[in-house]
Amino acid sequence: MVVPTVALAAIMGSGPPVSGGEAVEKMFRDTLIVHADGTPRTQHVTSDIAIEVEEQAGTAVARSYVTVLQALPDLPLQPVAAGRYRDRFERRGGQWRFTERRVDIRLVGEVSRHLRQAAARP
């Protein structure tokens, strides 16, 4: 499984915070259904991004909306979740890096083909 670049950051959502590449990868492996092509067959569309930079401190925060779309050979393209991202960044060695992502999913659709826990429900 490909782990997104936020793997070096702390990710906070509905469960306990997760940080570090291995822990983030495990969380994704334990949470997401991976299909035959090796992906969850989703696309995360991020919109209305607002970024505030504290240049002297070398930090930034960003707020955005996220819509998660999913499609499978037998499942038409559809939104399966929507919510907000609140991200923090810091500049290290001249490079900007994620330090934290807070995920607040507010709307949930048909996720039984996306999330293991939903698929396990009768």
C-alpha atoms as a PDB file:
ATOM      1  CA  MET A   1       0.000   0.000   0.000  1.00  0.00           C
ATOM      2  CA  VAL A   2       1.248   3.492  -0.802  1.00  0.00           C
ATOM      3  CA  VAL A   3       1.327   5.664   2.322  1.00  0.00           C
ATOM      4  CA  PRO A   4       0.612   9.344   1.701  1.00  0.00           C
ATOM      5  CA  THR A   5       3.171  12.008   2.532  1.00  0.00           C
ATOM      6  CA  VAL A   6       1.295  12.765   5.755  1.00  0.00           C
ATOM      7  CA  ALA A   7       2.804   9.543   7.122  1.00  0.00           C
ATOM      8  CA  LEU A   8       5.476  11.621   8.831  1.00  0.00           C
ATOM      9  CA  ALA A   9       2.826  13.644  10.654  1.00  0.00           C
ATOM     10  CA  ALA A  10       0.334  13.001  13.402  1.00  0.00           C
ATOM     11  CA  ILE A  11      -3.104  12.138  12.070  1.00  0.00           C
ATOM     12  CA  MET A  12      -6.130  12.732  14.260  1.00  0.00           C
ATOM     13  CA  GLY A  13      -9.630  11.664  13.425  1.00  0.00           C
ATOM     14  CA  SER A  14     -12.332   9.725  15.198  1.00  0.00           C
ATOM     15  CA  GLY A  15      -9.842   7.362  16.864  1.00  0.00           C
ATOM     16  CA  PRO A  16      -6.714   7.910  18.919  1.00  0.00           C
ATOM     17  CA  PRO A  17      -3.960  10.057  17.306  1.00  0.00           C
ATOM     18  CA  VAL A  18      -1.536   8.162  15.078  1.00  0.00           C
ATOM     19  CA  SER A  19       1.970   9.352  14.209  1.00  0.00           C
ATOM     20  CA  GLY A  20       4.977   8.017  12.359  1.00  0.00           C
ATOM     21  CA  GLY A  21       5.141   6.231   9.026  1.00  0.00           C
ATOM     22  CA  GLU A  22       4.723   2.678  10.328  1.00  0.00           C
ATOM     23  CA  ALA A  23       1.800   3.574  12.609  1.00  0.00           C
ATOM     24  CA  VAL A  24       0.012   5.485   9.839  1.00  0.00           C
ATOM     25  CA  GLU A  25       0.520   2.637   7.384  1.00  0.00           C
ATOM     26  CA  LYS A  26      -0.851   0.156   9.950  1.00  0.00           C
ATOM     27  CA  MET A  27      -3.874   2.377  10.573  1.00  0.00           C
ATOM     28  CA  PHE A  28      -4.612   2.497   6.835  1.00  0.00           C
ATOM     29  CA  ARG A  29      -4.081  -1.266   6.466  1.00  0.00           C
ATOM     30  CA  ASP A  30      -6.375  -1.985   9.428  1.00  0.00           C
ATOM     31  CA  THR A  31      -9.051   0.491   8.330  1.00  0.00           C
ATOM     32  CA  LEU A  32      -9.279   0.481   4.536  1.00  0.00           C
ATOM     33  CA  ILE A  33     -10.404  -2.212   2.134  1.00  0.00           C
ATOM     34  CA  VAL A  34      -7.780  -2.634  -0.567  1.00  0.00           C
ATOM     35  CA  HIS A  35      -9.132  -3.861  -3.902  1.00  0.00           C
ATOM     36  CA  ALA A  36      -7.531  -5.980  -6.643  1.00  0.00           C
ATOM     37  CA  ASP A  37      -5.562  -3.030  -8.034  1.00  0.00           C
ATOM     38  CA  GLY A  38      -3.899  -2.508  -4.627  1.00  0.00           C
ATOM     39  CA  THR A  39      -5.807   0.690  -3.829  1.00  0.00           C
ATOM     40  CA  PRO A  40      -9.004   1.584  -1.955  1.00  0.00           C
ATOM     41  CA  ARG A  41     -10.352   2.860  -5.317  1.00  0.00           C
ATOM     42  CA  THR A  42     -10.917   6.331  -3.896  1.00  0.00           C
ATOM     43  CA  GLN A  43     -10.047   9.879  -4.838  1.00  0.00           C
ATOM     44  CA  HIS A  44      -9.855  12.574  -2.149  1.00  0.00           C
ATOM     45  CA  VAL A  45     -10.840  15.955  -3.578  1.00  0.00           C
ATOM     46  CA  THR A  46      -9.591  18.837  -1.452  1.00  0.00           C
ATOM     47  CA  SER A  47     -11.205  22.241  -1.990  1.00  0.00           C
ATOM     48  CA  ASP A  48     -11.579  25.736  -0.535  1.00  0.00           C
ATOM     49  CA  ILE A  49      -8.045  25.641   0.848  1.00  0.00           C
ATOM     50  CA  ALA A  50      -7.101  28.524   3.160  1.00  0.00           C
ATOM     51  CA  ILE A  51      -3.454  28.748   4.240  1.00  0.00           C
ATOM     52  CA  GLU A  52      -1.997  31.023   6.914  1.00  0.00           C
ATOM     53  CA  VAL A  53       1.806  31.246   7.009  1.00  0.00           C
ATOM     54  CA  GLU A  54       3.883  32.475   9.937  1.00  0.00           C
ATOM     55  CA  GLU A  55       7.048  33.114   7.952  1.00  0.00           C
ATOM     56  CA  GLN A  56       9.312  34.010  10.885  1.00  0.00           C
ATOM     57  CA  ALA A  57       8.189  31.012  12.939  1.00  0.00           C
ATOM     58  CA  GLY A  58       8.465  28.715   9.913  1.00  0.00           C
ATOM     59  CA  THR A  59       4.962  27.356  10.494  1.00  0.00           C
ATOM     60  CA  ALA A  60       1.691  27.316   8.603  1.00  0.00           C
ATOM     61  CA  VAL A  61      -1.863  26.095   9.071  1.00  0.00           C
ATOM     62  CA  ALA A  62      -4.348  25.139   6.375  1.00  0.00           C
ATOM     63  CA  ARG A  63      -8.074  24.522   6.447  1.00  0.00           C
ATOM     64  CA  SER A  64      -9.896  22.771   3.632  1.00  0.00           C
ATOM     65  CA  TYR A  65     -12.877  20.650   2.718  1.00  0.00           C
ATOM     66  CA  VAL A  66     -12.455  17.061   1.570  1.00  0.00           C
ATOM     67  CA  THR A  67     -14.812  14.915  -0.474  1.00  0.00           C
ATOM     68  CA  VAL A  68     -13.946  11.227  -0.830  1.00  0.00           C
ATOM     69  CA  LEU A  69     -15.150   9.622  -4.058  1.00  0.00           C
ATOM     70  CA  GLN A  70     -15.139   5.879  -4.768  1.00  0.00           C
ATOM     71  CA  ALA A  71     -15.766   3.777  -7.860  1.00  0.00           C
ATOM     72  CA  LEU A  72     -15.481   0.036  -8.477  1.00  0.00           C
ATOM     73  CA  PRO A  73     -16.283  -2.057 -11.548  1.00  0.00           C
ATOM     74  CA  ASP A  74     -19.698  -2.844 -10.027  1.00  0.00           C
ATOM     75  CA  LEU A  75     -20.116   0.440  -8.076  1.00  0.00           C
ATOM     76  CA  PRO A  76     -20.663   3.722  -9.932  1.00  0.00           C
ATOM     77  CA  LEU A  77     -18.585   6.741  -8.992  1.00  0.00           C
ATOM     78  CA  GLN A  78     -20.083   8.280  -5.858  1.00  0.00           C
ATOM     79  CA  PRO A  79     -19.160  10.387  -2.846  1.00  0.00           C
ATOM     80  CA  VAL A  80     -18.638   8.193   0.222  1.00  0.00           C
ATOM     81  CA  ALA A  81     -17.535  10.802   2.782  1.00  0.00           C
ATOM     82  CA  ALA A  82     -17.093  14.544   3.196  1.00  0.00           C
ATOM     83  CA  GLY A  83     -15.629  16.752   5.866  1.00  0.00           C
ATOM     84  CA  ARG A  84     -12.765  19.038   6.813  1.00  0.00           C
ATOM     85  CA  TYR A  85      -8.993  18.825   7.015  1.00  0.00           C
ATOM     86  CA  ARG A  86      -7.070  21.051   9.418  1.00  0.00           C
ATOM     87  CA  ASP A  87      -3.360  20.754   8.680  1.00  0.00           C
ATOM     88  CA  ARG A  88      -0.210  22.083  10.319  1.00  0.00           C
ATOM     89  CA  PHE A  89       3.148  22.454   8.612  1.00  0.00           C
ATOM     90  CA  GLU A  90       6.632  23.462   9.597  1.00  0.00           C
ATOM     91  CA  ARG A  91       9.680  24.418   7.587  1.00  0.00           C
ATOM     92  CA  ARG A  92      12.730  22.232   8.218  1.00  0.00           C
ATOM     93  CA  GLY A  93      15.931  22.775   6.294  1.00  0.00           C
ATOM     94  CA  GLY A  94      14.117  25.029   3.840  1.00  0.00           C
ATOM     95  CA  GLN A  95      11.451  22.379   3.101  1.00  0.00           C
ATOM     96  CA  TRP A  96       7.801  22.521   4.199  1.00  0.00           C
ATOM     97  CA  ARG A  97       6.494  19.337   5.839  1.00  0.00           C
ATOM     98  CA  PHE A  98       3.227  18.144   7.320  1.00  0.00           C
ATOM     99  CA  THR A  99       3.296  17.938  11.097  1.00  0.00           C
ATOM    100  CA  GLU A 100      -0.376  17.288  11.784  1.00  0.00           C
ATOM    101  CA  ARG A 101      -3.642  16.506  10.020  1.00  0.00           C
ATOM    102  CA  ARG A 102      -6.947  16.665  11.865  1.00  0.00           C
ATOM    103  CA  VAL A 103      -9.725  14.927   9.982  1.00  0.00           C
ATOM    104  CA  ASP A 104     -13.334  15.797  10.765  1.00  0.00           C
ATOM    105  CA  ILE A 105     -15.669  13.702   8.608  1.00  0.00           C
ATOM    106  CA  ARG A 106     -19.157  15.179   8.851  1.00  0.00           C
ATOM    107  CA  LEU A 107     -21.052  13.257   6.168  1.00  0.00           C
ATOM    108  CA  VAL A 108     -20.764   9.527   5.509  1.00  0.00           C
ATOM    109  CA  GLY A 109     -22.309   7.654   2.607  1.00  0.00           C
ATOM    110  CA  GLU A 110     -22.033   4.028   1.506  1.00  0.00           C
ATOM    111  CA  VAL A 111     -18.647   2.973   2.933  1.00  0.00           C
ATOM    112  CA  SER A 112     -19.124  -0.799   3.135  1.00  0.00           C
ATOM    113  CA  ARG A 113     -16.746  -1.192   0.157  1.00  0.00           C
ATOM    114  CA  HIS A 114     -14.242   1.279   1.614  1.00  0.00           C
ATOM    115  CA  LEU A 115     -13.940   0.716   5.374  1.00  0.00           C
ATOM    116  CA  ARG A 116     -13.323  -2.685   6.984  1.00  0.00           C
ATOM    117  CA  GLN A 117     -15.429  -1.895  10.043  1.00  0.00           C
ATOM    118  CA  ALA A 118     -18.451  -0.937   7.898  1.00  0.00           C
ATOM    119  CA  ALA A 119     -18.031  -4.085   5.776  1.00  0.00           C
ATOM    120  CA  ALA A 120     -18.069  -6.257   8.919  1.00  0.00           C
ATOM    121  CA  ARG A 121     -21.489  -4.976  10.045  1.00  0.00           C
ATOM    122  CA  PRO A 122     -24.441  -7.241   9.277  1.00  0.00           C
END
